[in-house]
Amino acid sequence: IIFLATMLADDRLTRAEERPLELARLISSLRFLRQLQMDNANAWMCQSRRKSLGGVRASTWDQRMPPHASAMTLLALCETLRALDVMAGK
């Protein structure tokens, strides 16, 4: 997902006419990452509700939240924001 955002911001990899479709695909991928994030609806199954909120699970069937899952999600969000800034001309 990180590479999708990087490709979106690079004219050599994504032409201007392809960007709307690729942005929609990226947003769909980000939605999946959001679904992996622990929120109030899922926190009932965690030992410490306060510590678990905002953590990212490694998969939909695994409730563990390894640090690398949250780190990779954060990198994906940062790269997406950078790509959107490039697309907006900032």
N, C-alpha and C. Protein backbone atom coordinates (compact mmCIF):
# COMPACT_ATOMS: atom_id res chain seq x y z
N ILE A 1 0.83 -1.19 0.00
CA ILE A 1 0.00 0.00 0.00
C ILE A 1 0.87 1.24 0.00
N ILE A 2 2.00 1.16 0.69
CA ILE A 2 2.93 2.29 0.70
C ILE A 2 3.42 2.58 -0.71
N PHE A 3 3.74 1.54 -1.44
CA PHE A 3 4.24 1.74 -2.79
C PHE A 3 3.15 2.27 -3.72
N LEU A 4 1.90 1.90 -3.50
CA LEU A 4 0.80 2.46 -4.30
C LEU A 4 0.75 3.97 -4.16
N ALA A 5 0.90 4.47 -2.93
CA ALA A 5 0.90 5.91 -2.70
C ALA A 5 2.12 6.56 -3.34
N THR A 6 3.27 5.90 -3.24
CA THR A 6 4.48 6.44 -3.86
C THR A 6 4.33 6.52 -5.36
N MET A 7 3.77 5.49 -5.96
CA MET A 7 3.57 5.47 -7.41
C MET A 7 2.59 6.55 -7.84
N LEU A 8 1.58 6.81 -7.03
CA LEU A 8 0.56 7.81 -7.37
C LEU A 8 1.18 9.19 -7.50
N ALA A 9 2.18 9.49 -6.70
CA ALA A 9 2.79 10.82 -6.70
C ALA A 9 3.87 10.99 -7.77
N ASP A 10 4.23 9.93 -8.45
CA ASP A 10 5.33 9.97 -9.42
C ASP A 10 4.78 9.98 -10.84
N ASP A 11 5.06 11.05 -11.58
CA ASP A 11 4.59 11.17 -12.97
C ASP A 11 5.13 10.07 -13.87
N ARG A 12 6.28 9.54 -13.55
CA ARG A 12 6.87 8.48 -14.38
C ARG A 12 6.12 7.17 -14.24
N LEU A 13 5.44 6.98 -13.11
CA LEU A 13 4.77 5.70 -12.85
C LEU A 13 3.25 5.77 -13.02
N THR A 14 2.67 6.95 -12.82
CA THR A 14 1.22 7.10 -12.95
C THR A 14 0.93 8.37 -13.74
N ARG A 15 0.34 8.18 -14.90
CA ARG A 15 -0.01 9.34 -15.73
C ARG A 15 -1.19 10.08 -15.11
N ALA A 16 -1.34 11.34 -15.48
CA ALA A 16 -2.39 12.19 -14.91
C ALA A 16 -3.78 11.61 -15.13
N GLU A 17 -4.04 11.04 -16.30
CA GLU A 17 -5.37 10.48 -16.57
C GLU A 17 -5.64 9.19 -15.79
N GLU A 18 -4.61 8.55 -15.27
CA GLU A 18 -4.78 7.33 -14.48
C GLU A 18 -4.98 7.61 -13.00
N ARG A 19 -4.66 8.81 -12.57
CA ARG A 19 -4.65 9.11 -11.14
C ARG A 19 -5.99 8.96 -10.44
N PRO A 20 -7.11 9.40 -11.00
CA PRO A 20 -8.38 9.22 -10.26
C PRO A 20 -8.69 7.75 -9.94
N LEU A 21 -8.49 6.87 -10.90
CA LEU A 21 -8.75 5.45 -10.65
C LEU A 21 -7.77 4.88 -9.63
N GLU A 22 -6.51 5.24 -9.76
CA GLU A 22 -5.50 4.74 -8.82
C GLU A 22 -5.72 5.30 -7.42
N LEU A 23 -6.18 6.54 -7.33
CA LEU A 23 -6.50 7.12 -6.02
C LEU A 23 -7.66 6.38 -5.38
N ALA A 24 -8.66 6.01 -6.15
CA ALA A 24 -9.79 5.24 -5.63
C ALA A 24 -9.32 3.88 -5.11
N ARG A 25 -8.41 3.25 -5.82
CA ARG A 25 -7.87 1.96 -5.36
C ARG A 25 -7.08 2.13 -4.07
N LEU A 26 -6.31 3.20 -4.00
CA LEU A 26 -5.54 3.47 -2.78
C LEU A 26 -6.46 3.71 -1.60
N ILE A 27 -7.51 4.46 -1.79
CA ILE A 27 -8.46 4.74 -0.71
C ILE A 27 -9.13 3.45 -0.25
N SER A 28 -9.42 2.56 -1.17
CA SER A 28 -9.99 1.27 -0.81
C SER A 28 -9.01 0.47 0.06
N SER A 29 -7.75 0.53 -0.27
CA SER A 29 -6.74 -0.16 0.52
C SER A 29 -6.60 0.46 1.91
N LEU A 30 -6.66 1.79 1.97
CA LEU A 30 -6.58 2.47 3.26
C LEU A 30 -7.79 2.12 4.13
N ARG A 31 -8.93 1.94 3.49
CA ARG A 31 -10.13 1.54 4.23
C ARG A 31 -9.90 0.18 4.90
N PHE A 32 -9.25 -0.73 4.20
CA PHE A 32 -8.96 -2.03 4.78
C PHE A 32 -8.04 -1.87 5.99
N LEU A 33 -7.03 -1.00 5.88
CA LEU A 33 -6.14 -0.77 7.03
C LEU A 33 -6.93 -0.20 8.21
N ARG A 34 -7.87 0.67 7.93
CA ARG A 34 -8.71 1.23 8.99
C ARG A 34 -9.54 0.14 9.66
N GLN A 35 -9.98 -0.83 8.88
CA GLN A 35 -10.76 -1.93 9.45
C GLN A 35 -9.91 -2.82 10.35
N LEU A 36 -8.60 -2.82 10.14
CA LEU A 36 -7.70 -3.59 11.00
C LEU A 36 -7.38 -2.84 12.29
N GLN A 37 -7.68 -1.56 12.33
CA GLN A 37 -7.38 -0.76 13.51
C GLN A 37 -8.34 -1.08 14.64
N MET A 38 -7.82 -1.16 15.85
CA MET A 38 -8.65 -1.44 17.02
C MET A 38 -9.41 -0.18 17.41
N ASP A 39 -10.72 -0.32 17.54
CA ASP A 39 -11.56 0.80 17.95
C ASP A 39 -12.46 0.35 19.11
N ASN A 40 -13.35 1.22 19.53
CA ASN A 40 -14.21 0.90 20.68
C ASN A 40 -15.08 -0.33 20.44
N ALA A 41 -15.48 -0.55 19.20
CA ALA A 41 -16.35 -1.70 18.91
C ALA A 41 -15.63 -3.03 19.12
N ASN A 42 -14.32 -3.05 18.94
CA ASN A 42 -13.54 -4.29 19.07
C ASN A 42 -12.76 -4.38 20.37
N ALA A 43 -12.64 -3.28 21.08
CA ALA A 43 -11.76 -3.23 22.25
C ALA A 43 -12.22 -4.11 23.41
N TRP A 44 -13.45 -4.58 23.37
CA TRP A 44 -13.94 -5.44 24.45
C TRP A 44 -13.12 -6.71 24.59
N MET A 45 -12.46 -7.14 23.52
CA MET A 45 -11.71 -8.39 23.58
C MET A 45 -10.25 -8.20 23.99
N CYS A 46 -9.87 -6.97 24.32
CA CYS A 46 -8.49 -6.70 24.72
C CYS A 46 -8.37 -6.60 26.23
N GLN A 47 -7.23 -6.96 26.73
CA GLN A 47 -7.00 -6.91 28.17
C GLN A 47 -6.99 -5.46 28.66
N SER A 48 -6.32 -4.59 27.92
CA SER A 48 -6.28 -3.18 28.29
C SER A 48 -6.90 -2.37 27.15
N ARG A 49 -8.11 -1.94 27.35
CA ARG A 49 -8.83 -1.19 26.33
C ARG A 49 -8.07 0.09 25.95
N ARG A 50 -7.60 0.83 26.93
CA ARG A 50 -6.93 2.10 26.70
C ARG A 50 -5.65 1.93 25.87
N LYS A 51 -4.87 0.92 26.17
CA LYS A 51 -3.62 0.70 25.44
C LYS A 51 -3.86 0.15 24.04
N SER A 52 -4.96 -0.52 23.82
CA SER A 52 -5.18 -1.17 22.53
C SER A 52 -5.81 -0.25 21.48
N LEU A 53 -6.52 0.79 21.90
CA LEU A 53 -7.19 1.67 20.94
C LEU A 53 -6.20 2.30 19.98
N GLY A 54 -6.49 2.19 18.70
CA GLY A 54 -5.62 2.75 17.66
C GLY A 54 -4.58 1.80 17.14
N GLY A 55 -4.34 0.70 17.83
CA GLY A 55 -3.38 -0.28 17.35
C GLY A 55 -3.92 -0.98 16.11
N VAL A 56 -3.02 -1.52 15.31
CA VAL A 56 -3.41 -2.19 14.06
C VAL A 56 -3.10 -3.68 14.18
N ARG A 57 -4.11 -4.48 13.91
CA ARG A 57 -3.94 -5.93 13.95
C ARG A 57 -3.18 -6.40 12.72
N ALA A 58 -2.48 -7.50 12.85
CA ALA A 58 -1.73 -8.05 11.72
C ALA A 58 -2.64 -8.64 10.66
N SER A 59 -3.83 -9.10 11.06
CA SER A 59 -4.78 -9.67 10.11
C SER A 59 -6.17 -9.63 10.73
N THR A 60 -7.16 -9.89 9.93
CA THR A 60 -8.54 -9.82 10.43
C THR A 60 -8.85 -10.92 11.43
N TRP A 61 -8.17 -12.04 11.36
CA TRP A 61 -8.47 -13.16 12.24
C TRP A 61 -7.53 -13.24 13.44
N ASP A 62 -6.55 -12.36 13.52
CA ASP A 62 -5.56 -12.37 14.59
C ASP A 62 -5.70 -11.07 15.39
N GLN A 63 -6.00 -11.16 16.66
CA GLN A 63 -6.23 -9.96 17.47
C GLN A 63 -4.95 -9.36 18.03
N ARG A 64 -3.82 -10.01 17.80
CA ARG A 64 -2.56 -9.43 18.27
C ARG A 64 -2.23 -8.20 17.43
N MET A 65 -1.54 -7.25 18.04
CA MET A 65 -1.19 -6.01 17.36
C MET A 65 0.32 -5.81 17.42
N PRO A 66 1.04 -6.44 16.51
CA PRO A 66 2.50 -6.29 16.54
C PRO A 66 2.90 -4.86 16.13
N PRO A 67 3.99 -4.36 16.67
CA PRO A 67 4.41 -2.99 16.36
C PRO A 67 4.60 -2.74 14.86
N HIS A 68 5.06 -3.75 14.13
CA HIS A 68 5.31 -3.52 12.70
C HIS A 68 4.02 -3.28 11.91
N ALA A 69 2.90 -3.83 12.38
CA ALA A 69 1.63 -3.59 11.68
C ALA A 69 1.22 -2.12 11.81
N SER A 70 1.35 -1.58 13.01
CA SER A 70 1.02 -0.17 13.21
C SER A 70 2.02 0.73 12.49
N ALA A 71 3.29 0.35 12.52
CA ALA A 71 4.32 1.17 11.86
C ALA A 71 4.11 1.21 10.34
N MET A 72 3.81 0.08 9.74
CA MET A 72 3.60 0.05 8.29
C MET A 72 2.34 0.82 7.91
N THR A 73 1.31 0.75 8.75
CA THR A 73 0.10 1.52 8.48
C THR A 73 0.37 3.01 8.57
N LEU A 74 1.14 3.42 9.56
CA LEU A 74 1.50 4.84 9.69
C LEU A 74 2.31 5.31 8.49
N LEU A 75 3.24 4.49 8.03
CA LEU A 75 4.01 4.84 6.83
C LEU A 75 3.10 4.97 5.61
N ALA A 76 2.14 4.09 5.50
CA ALA A 76 1.20 4.16 4.36
C ALA A 76 0.40 5.46 4.40
N LEU A 77 -0.05 5.84 5.58
CA LEU A 77 -0.82 7.09 5.71
C LEU A 77 0.04 8.31 5.41
N CYS A 78 1.26 8.32 5.92
CA CYS A 78 2.16 9.45 5.65
C CYS A 78 2.48 9.56 4.16
N GLU A 79 2.73 8.46 3.52
CA GLU A 79 3.04 8.48 2.09
C GLU A 79 1.82 8.89 1.28
N THR A 80 0.64 8.49 1.72
CA THR A 80 -0.59 8.89 1.03
C THR A 80 -0.79 10.41 1.15
N LEU A 81 -0.57 10.95 2.33
CA LEU A 81 -0.69 12.40 2.50
C LEU A 81 0.32 13.15 1.64
N ARG A 82 1.54 12.61 1.56
CA ARG A 82 2.56 13.23 0.70
C ARG A 82 2.12 13.19 -0.75
N ALA A 83 1.58 12.06 -1.19
CA ALA A 83 1.13 11.93 -2.58
C ALA A 83 -0.01 12.89 -2.88
N LEU A 84 -0.92 13.06 -1.93
CA LEU A 84 -2.03 14.00 -2.14
C LEU A 84 -1.53 15.44 -2.22
N ASP A 85 -0.51 15.76 -1.43
CA ASP A 85 0.09 17.09 -1.53
C ASP A 85 0.74 17.32 -2.89
N VAL A 86 1.42 16.30 -3.39
CA VAL A 86 2.04 16.40 -4.73
C VAL A 86 0.96 16.59 -5.79
N MET A 87 -0.12 15.83 -5.68
CA MET A 87 -1.19 15.93 -6.66
C MET A 87 -1.87 17.30 -6.60
N ALA A 88 -1.93 17.89 -5.41
CA ALA A 88 -2.55 19.20 -5.25
C ALA A 88 -1.61 20.33 -5.64
N GLY A 89 -0.37 20.00 -5.92
CA GLY A 89 0.60 21.00 -6.34
C GLY A 89 1.23 21.77 -5.20
N LYS A 90 1.22 21.22 -4.01
CA LYS A 90 1.81 21.91 -2.85
C LYS A 90 3.26 21.56 -2.70
